[in-house]
Amino acid sequence: MGRPATGQTKVMGFRPPKALRDEFEKLAASEGRTPSDALIEAMHDWVVKRRRAASAKARPAVPPTDS
């Protein structure tokens, strides 16, 4: 995933628990990634998961066919 040009996107801020933040930063560094890049990937994956779940709920159940 590429990064957008500076100033082109809204900055988000939040305060995760210290232990979670420390482990997250350590894991990102071990993969040679920035925490920002890892968070963007995690957010993307979560959005895709939620879209799939919403889509599955919207589809009517298909009754089994007798073969």
PDB file of N, CA and C in Angstrom:
ATOM      1  N   MET A   1       0.839  -1.181   0.000  1.00  0.00           N
ATOM      2  CA  MET A   1       0.000   0.000   0.000  1.00  0.00           C
ATOM      3  C   MET A   1       0.878   1.236   0.000  1.00  0.00           C
ATOM      4  N   GLY A   2       0.572   2.142  -0.889  1.00  0.00           N
ATOM      5  CA  GLY A   2       1.348   3.374  -0.939  1.00  0.00           C
ATOM      6  C   GLY A   2       0.785   4.413   0.009  1.00  0.00           C
ATOM      7  N   ARG A   3       1.623   5.337   0.350  1.00  0.00           N
ATOM      8  CA  ARG A   3       1.193   6.420   1.230  1.00  0.00           C
ATOM      9  C   ARG A   3       0.752   7.605   0.398  1.00  0.00           C
ATOM     10  N   PRO A   4      -0.335   8.267   0.792  1.00  0.00           N
ATOM     11  CA  PRO A   4      -0.764   9.462   0.063  1.00  0.00           C
ATOM     12  C   PRO A   4       0.186  10.612   0.353  1.00  0.00           C
ATOM     13  N   ALA A   5       0.191  11.589  -0.516  1.00  0.00           N
ATOM     14  CA  ALA A   5       1.032  12.763  -0.311  1.00  0.00           C
ATOM     15  C   ALA A   5       0.648  13.448   1.001  1.00  0.00           C
ATOM     16  N   THR A   6       1.635  14.002   1.674  1.00  0.00           N
ATOM     17  CA  THR A   6       1.399  14.686   2.944  1.00  0.00           C
ATOM     18  C   THR A   6       0.345  15.777   2.780  1.00  0.00           C
ATOM     19  N   GLY A   7      -0.560  15.854   3.728  1.00  0.00           N
ATOM     20  CA  GLY A   7      -1.598  16.873   3.714  1.00  0.00           C
ATOM     21  C   GLY A   7      -2.803  16.510   2.875  1.00  0.00           C
ATOM     22  N   GLN A   8      -2.790  15.328   2.246  1.00  0.00           N
ATOM     23  CA  GLN A   8      -3.890  14.935   1.367  1.00  0.00           C
ATOM     24  C   GLN A   8      -4.967  14.143   2.107  1.00  0.00           C
ATOM     25  N   THR A   9      -4.649  13.636   3.278  1.00  0.00           N
ATOM     26  CA  THR A   9      -5.625  12.853   4.031  1.00  0.00           C
ATOM     27  C   THR A   9      -5.717  13.367   5.459  1.00  0.00           C
ATOM     28  N   LYS A  10      -6.850  13.086   6.091  1.00  0.00           N
ATOM     29  CA  LYS A  10      -7.092  13.491   7.473  1.00  0.00           C
ATOM     30  C   LYS A  10      -6.238  12.642   8.424  1.00  0.00           C
ATOM     31  N   VAL A  11      -5.662  13.263   9.408  1.00  0.00           N
ATOM     32  CA  VAL A  11      -4.899  12.562  10.437  1.00  0.00           C
ATOM     33  C   VAL A  11      -5.867  12.084  11.509  1.00  0.00           C
ATOM     34  N   MET A  12      -5.671  10.837  11.960  1.00  0.00           N
ATOM     35  CA  MET A  12      -6.502  10.283  13.029  1.00  0.00           C
ATOM     36  C   MET A  12      -5.618  10.065  14.255  1.00  0.00           C
ATOM     37  N   GLY A  13      -6.193  10.247  15.399  1.00  0.00           N
ATOM     38  CA  GLY A  13      -5.445  10.011  16.624  1.00  0.00           C
ATOM     39  C   GLY A  13      -6.263   9.186  17.598  1.00  0.00           C
ATOM     40  N   PHE A  14      -5.589   8.332  18.338  1.00  0.00           N
ATOM     41  CA  PHE A  14      -6.252   7.554  19.380  1.00  0.00           C
ATOM     42  C   PHE A  14      -5.201   7.103  20.377  1.00  0.00           C
ATOM     43  N   ARG A  15      -5.649   6.612  21.523  1.00  0.00           N
ATOM     44  CA  ARG A  15      -4.739   6.201  22.587  1.00  0.00           C
ATOM     45  C   ARG A  15      -4.954   4.735  22.935  1.00  0.00           C
ATOM     46  N   PRO A  16      -4.183   3.850  22.305  1.00  0.00           N
ATOM     47  CA  PRO A  16      -4.304   2.431  22.661  1.00  0.00           C
ATOM     48  C   PRO A  16      -3.626   2.182  24.007  1.00  0.00           C
ATOM     49  N   PRO A  17      -3.990   1.103  24.682  1.00  0.00           N
ATOM     50  CA  PRO A  17      -3.297   0.756  25.929  1.00  0.00           C
ATOM     51  C   PRO A  17      -1.794   0.585  25.656  1.00  0.00           C
ATOM     52  N   LYS A  18      -0.970   0.983  26.613  1.00  0.00           N
ATOM     53  CA  LYS A  18       0.486   0.977  26.425  1.00  0.00           C
ATOM     54  C   LYS A  18       1.014  -0.393  26.028  1.00  0.00           C
ATOM     55  N   ALA A  19       0.577  -1.448  26.692  1.00  0.00           N
ATOM     56  CA  ALA A  19       1.089  -2.785  26.379  1.00  0.00           C
ATOM     57  C   ALA A  19       0.768  -3.170  24.928  1.00  0.00           C
ATOM     58  N   LEU A  20      -0.433  -2.843  24.477  1.00  0.00           N
ATOM     59  CA  LEU A  20      -0.815  -3.144  23.100  1.00  0.00           C
ATOM     60  C   LEU A  20       0.025  -2.322  22.122  1.00  0.00           C
ATOM     61  N   ARG A  21       0.185  -1.047  22.405  1.00  0.00           N
ATOM     62  CA  ARG A  21       0.980  -0.168  21.544  1.00  0.00           C
ATOM     63  C   ARG A  21       2.419  -0.648  21.463  1.00  0.00           C
ATOM     64  N   ASP A  22       3.002  -1.007  22.609  1.00  0.00           N
ATOM     65  CA  ASP A  22       4.396  -1.467  22.616  1.00  0.00           C
ATOM     66  C   ASP A  22       4.572  -2.727  21.773  1.00  0.00           C
ATOM     67  N   GLU A  23       3.670  -3.688  21.931  1.00  0.00           N
ATOM     68  CA  GLU A  23       3.772  -4.926  21.156  1.00  0.00           C
ATOM     69  C   GLU A  23       3.551  -4.650  19.670  1.00  0.00           C
ATOM     70  N   PHE A  24       2.583  -3.812  19.366  1.00  0.00           N
ATOM     71  CA  PHE A  24       2.294  -3.457  17.976  1.00  0.00           C
ATOM     72  C   PHE A  24       3.509  -2.810  17.311  1.00  0.00           C
ATOM     73  N   GLU A  25       4.113  -1.839  17.984  1.00  0.00           N
ATOM     74  CA  GLU A  25       5.281  -1.159  17.422  1.00  0.00           C
ATOM     75  C   GLU A  25       6.449  -2.128  17.226  1.00  0.00           C
ATOM     76  N   LYS A  26       6.630  -3.041  18.168  1.00  0.00           N
ATOM     77  CA  LYS A  26       7.700  -4.031  18.064  1.00  0.00           C
ATOM     78  C   LYS A  26       7.466  -4.948  16.858  1.00  0.00           C
ATOM     79  N   LEU A  27       6.230  -5.410  16.685  1.00  0.00           N
ATOM     80  CA  LEU A  27       5.913  -6.279  15.548  1.00  0.00           C
ATOM     81  C   LEU A  27       6.081  -5.549  14.216  1.00  0.00           C
ATOM     82  N   ALA A  28       5.623  -4.322  14.146  1.00  0.00           N
ATOM     83  CA  ALA A  28       5.774  -3.547  12.911  1.00  0.00           C
ATOM     84  C   ALA A  28       7.253  -3.377  12.580  1.00  0.00           C
ATOM     85  N   ALA A  29       8.054  -3.036  13.571  1.00  0.00           N
ATOM     86  CA  ALA A  29       9.488  -2.856  13.350  1.00  0.00           C
ATOM     87  C   ALA A  29      10.158  -4.158  12.907  1.00  0.00           C
ATOM     88  N   SER A  30       9.710  -5.284  13.476  1.00  0.00           N
ATOM     89  CA  SER A  30      10.316  -6.570  13.110  1.00  0.00           C
ATOM     90  C   SER A  30      10.039  -6.927  11.657  1.00  0.00           C
ATOM     91  N   GLU A  31       8.984  -6.335  11.081  1.00  0.00           N
ATOM     92  CA  GLU A  31       8.658  -6.553   9.678  1.00  0.00           C
ATOM     93  C   GLU A  31       9.166  -5.427   8.792  1.00  0.00           C
ATOM     94  N   GLY A  32       9.895  -4.483   9.389  1.00  0.00           N
ATOM     95  CA  GLY A  32      10.429  -3.365   8.623  1.00  0.00           C
ATOM     96  C   GLY A  32       9.340  -2.414   8.138  1.00  0.00           C
ATOM     97  N   ARG A  33       8.271  -2.309   8.908  1.00  0.00           N
ATOM     98  CA  ARG A  33       7.141  -1.466   8.534  1.00  0.00           C
ATOM     99  C   ARG A  33       6.954  -0.355   9.547  1.00  0.00           C
ATOM    100  N   THR A  34       6.321   0.706   9.108  1.00  0.00           N
ATOM    101  CA  THR A  34       5.974   1.763  10.056  1.00  0.00           C
ATOM    102  C   THR A  34       4.662   1.384  10.733  1.00  0.00           C
ATOM    103  N   PRO A  35       4.451   1.853  11.942  1.00  0.00           N
ATOM    104  CA  PRO A  35       3.161   1.611  12.588  1.00  0.00           C
ATOM    105  C   PRO A  35       1.998   2.141  11.744  1.00  0.00           C
ATOM    106  N   SER A  36       2.189   3.259  11.083  1.00  0.00           N
ATOM    107  CA  SER A  36       1.141   3.828  10.248  1.00  0.00           C
ATOM    108  C   SER A  36       0.745   2.870   9.127  1.00  0.00           C
ATOM    109  N   ASP A  37       1.722   2.316   8.435  1.00  0.00           N
ATOM    110  CA  ASP A  37       1.427   1.378   7.352  1.00  0.00           C
ATOM    111  C   ASP A  37       0.706   0.139   7.876  1.00  0.00           C
ATOM    112  N   ALA A  38       1.127  -0.371   9.024  1.00  0.00           N
ATOM    113  CA  ALA A  38       0.491  -1.553   9.603  1.00  0.00           C
ATOM    114  C   ALA A  38      -0.950  -1.241  10.020  1.00  0.00           C
ATOM    115  N   LEU A  39      -1.194  -0.056  10.568  1.00  0.00           N
ATOM    116  CA  LEU A  39      -2.553   0.324  10.951  1.00  0.00           C
ATOM    117  C   LEU A  39      -3.456   0.489   9.736  1.00  0.00           C
ATOM    118  N   ILE A  40      -2.926   1.061   8.673  1.00  0.00           N
ATOM    119  CA  ILE A  40      -3.722   1.217   7.455  1.00  0.00           C
ATOM    120  C   ILE A  40      -4.118  -0.156   6.928  1.00  0.00           C
ATOM    121  N   GLU A  41      -3.193  -1.107   6.924  1.00  0.00           N
ATOM    122  CA  GLU A  41      -3.521  -2.462   6.478  1.00  0.00           C
ATOM    123  C   GLU A  41      -4.580  -3.090   7.385  1.00  0.00           C
ATOM    124  N   ALA A  42      -4.422  -2.926   8.697  1.00  0.00           N
ATOM    125  CA  ALA A  42      -5.382  -3.510   9.636  1.00  0.00           C
ATOM    126  C   ALA A  42      -6.769  -2.887   9.447  1.00  0.00           C
ATOM    127  N   MET A  43      -6.827  -1.589   9.233  1.00  0.00           N
ATOM    128  CA  MET A  43      -8.114  -0.928   9.005  1.00  0.00           C
ATOM    129  C   MET A  43      -8.747  -1.426   7.714  1.00  0.00           C
ATOM    130  N   HIS A  44      -7.953  -1.557   6.677  1.00  0.00           N
ATOM    131  CA  HIS A  44      -8.453  -2.058   5.395  1.00  0.00           C
ATOM    132  C   HIS A  44      -9.031  -3.458   5.565  1.00  0.00           C
ATOM    133  N   ASP A  45      -8.283  -4.336   6.225  1.00  0.00           N
ATOM    134  CA  ASP A  45      -8.749  -5.711   6.436  1.00  0.00           C
ATOM    135  C   ASP A  45     -10.052  -5.745   7.229  1.00  0.00           C
ATOM    136  N   TRP A  46     -10.179  -4.897   8.233  1.00  0.00           N
ATOM    137  CA  TRP A  46     -11.380  -4.850   9.061  1.00  0.00           C
ATOM    138  C   TRP A  46     -12.583  -4.378   8.247  1.00  0.00           C
ATOM    139  N   VAL A  47     -12.377  -3.346   7.416  1.00  0.00           N
ATOM    140  CA  VAL A  47     -13.461  -2.833   6.572  1.00  0.00           C
ATOM    141  C   VAL A  47     -13.918  -3.910   5.596  1.00  0.00           C
ATOM    142  N   VAL A  48     -12.975  -4.598   4.966  1.00  0.00           N
ATOM    143  CA  VAL A  48     -13.324  -5.670   4.023  1.00  0.00           C
ATOM    144  C   VAL A  48     -14.108  -6.766   4.742  1.00  0.00           C
ATOM    145  N   LYS A  49     -13.678  -7.137   5.934  1.00  0.00           N
ATOM    146  CA  LYS A  49     -14.372  -8.167   6.717  1.00  0.00           C
ATOM    147  C   LYS A  49     -15.806  -7.738   7.017  1.00  0.00           C
ATOM    148  N   ARG A  50     -15.995  -6.495   7.418  1.00  0.00           N
ATOM    149  CA  ARG A  50     -17.334  -5.994   7.745  1.00  0.00           C
ATOM    150  C   ARG A  50     -18.221  -5.933   6.507  1.00  0.00           C
ATOM    151  N   ARG A  51     -17.647  -5.528   5.367  1.00  0.00           N
ATOM    152  CA  ARG A  51     -18.425  -5.495   4.127  1.00  0.00           C
ATOM    153  C   ARG A  51     -18.902  -6.895   3.758  1.00  0.00           C
ATOM    154  N   ARG A  52     -18.000  -7.872   3.876  1.00  0.00           N
ATOM    155  CA  ARG A  52     -18.379  -9.253   3.561  1.00  0.00           C
ATOM    156  C   ARG A  52     -19.489  -9.745   4.488  1.00  0.00           C
ATOM    157  N   ALA A  53     -19.377  -9.435   5.772  1.00  0.00           N
ATOM    158  CA  ALA A  53     -20.396  -9.867   6.733  1.00  0.00           C
ATOM    159  C   ALA A  53     -21.733  -9.209   6.413  1.00  0.00           C
ATOM    160  N   ALA A  54     -21.727  -7.931   6.080  1.00  0.00           N
ATOM    161  CA  ALA A  54     -22.964  -7.233   5.747  1.00  0.00           C
ATOM    162  C   ALA A  54     -23.566  -7.798   4.468  1.00  0.00           C
ATOM    163  N   SER A  55     -22.725  -8.112   3.516  1.00  0.00           N
ATOM    164  CA  SER A  55     -23.192  -8.682   2.258  1.00  0.00           C
ATOM    165  C   SER A  55     -23.808 -10.056   2.484  1.00  0.00           C
ATOM    166  N   ALA A  56     -23.201 -10.854   3.339  1.00  0.00           N
ATOM    167  CA  ALA A  56     -23.721 -12.193   3.632  1.00  0.00           C
ATOM    168  C   ALA A  56     -25.079 -12.104   4.314  1.00  0.00           C
ATOM    169  N   LYS A  57     -25.274 -11.124   5.182  1.00  0.00           N
ATOM    170  CA  LYS A  57     -26.563 -10.952   5.862  1.00  0.00           C
ATOM    171  C   LYS A  57     -27.638 -10.506   4.881  1.00  0.00           C
ATOM    172  N   ALA A  58     -27.250  -9.722   3.879  1.00  0.00           N
ATOM    173  CA  ALA A  58     -28.216  -9.184   2.928  1.00  0.00           C
ATOM    174  C   ALA A  58     -28.676 -10.231   1.921  1.00  0.00           C
ATOM    175  N   ARG A  59     -27.857 -11.254   1.688  1.00  0.00           N
ATOM    176  CA  ARG A  59     -28.214 -12.302   0.727  1.00  0.00           C
ATOM    177  C   ARG A  59     -29.231 -13.246   1.343  1.00  0.00           C
ATOM    178  N   PRO A  60     -30.281 -13.579   0.606  1.00  0.00           N
ATOM    179  CA  PRO A  60     -31.222 -14.573   1.141  1.00  0.00           C
ATOM    180  C   PRO A  60     -30.580 -15.948   1.175  1.00  0.00           C
ATOM    181  N   ALA A  61     -30.973 -16.722   2.162  1.00  0.00           N
ATOM    182  CA  ALA A  61     -30.444 -18.084   2.272  1.00  0.00           C
ATOM    183  C   ALA A  61     -30.963 -18.911   1.099  1.00  0.00           C
ATOM    184  N   VAL A  62     -30.083 -19.687   0.533  1.00  0.00           N
ATOM    185  CA  VAL A  62     -30.469 -20.539  -0.594  1.00  0.00           C
ATOM    186  C   VAL A  62     -30.815 -21.907  -0.034  1.00  0.00           C
ATOM    187  N   PRO A  63     -32.040 -22.371  -0.255  1.00  0.00           N
ATOM    188  CA  PRO A  63     -32.421 -23.681   0.280  1.00  0.00           C
ATOM    189  C   PRO A  63     -31.660 -24.790  -0.473  1.00  0.00           C
ATOM    190  N   PRO A  64     -31.328 -25.861   0.218  1.00  0.00           N
ATOM    191  CA  PRO A  64     -30.624 -26.953  -0.462  1.00  0.00           C
ATOM    192  C   PRO A  64     -31.519 -27.571  -1.530  1.00  0.00           C
ATOM    193  N   THR A  65     -30.890 -28.030  -2.599  1.00  0.00           N
ATOM    194  CA  THR A  65     -31.646 -28.680  -3.664  1.00  0.00           C
ATOM    195  C   THR A  65     -31.625 -30.179  -3.459  1.00  0.00           C
ATOM    196  N   ASP A  66     -32.708 -30.804  -3.834  1.00  0.00           N
ATOM    197  CA  ASP A  66     -32.758 -32.283  -3.747  1.00  0.00           C
ATOM    198  C   ASP A  66     -32.127 -32.853  -4.993  1.00  0.00           C
ATOM    199  N   SER A  67     -31.146 -33.700  -4.796  1.00  0.00           N
ATOM    200  CA  SER A  67     -30.467 -34.302  -5.945  1.00  0.00           C
ATOM    201  C   SER A  67     -30.745 -35.770  -6.028  1.00  0.00           C
TER     202      SER A  67
END
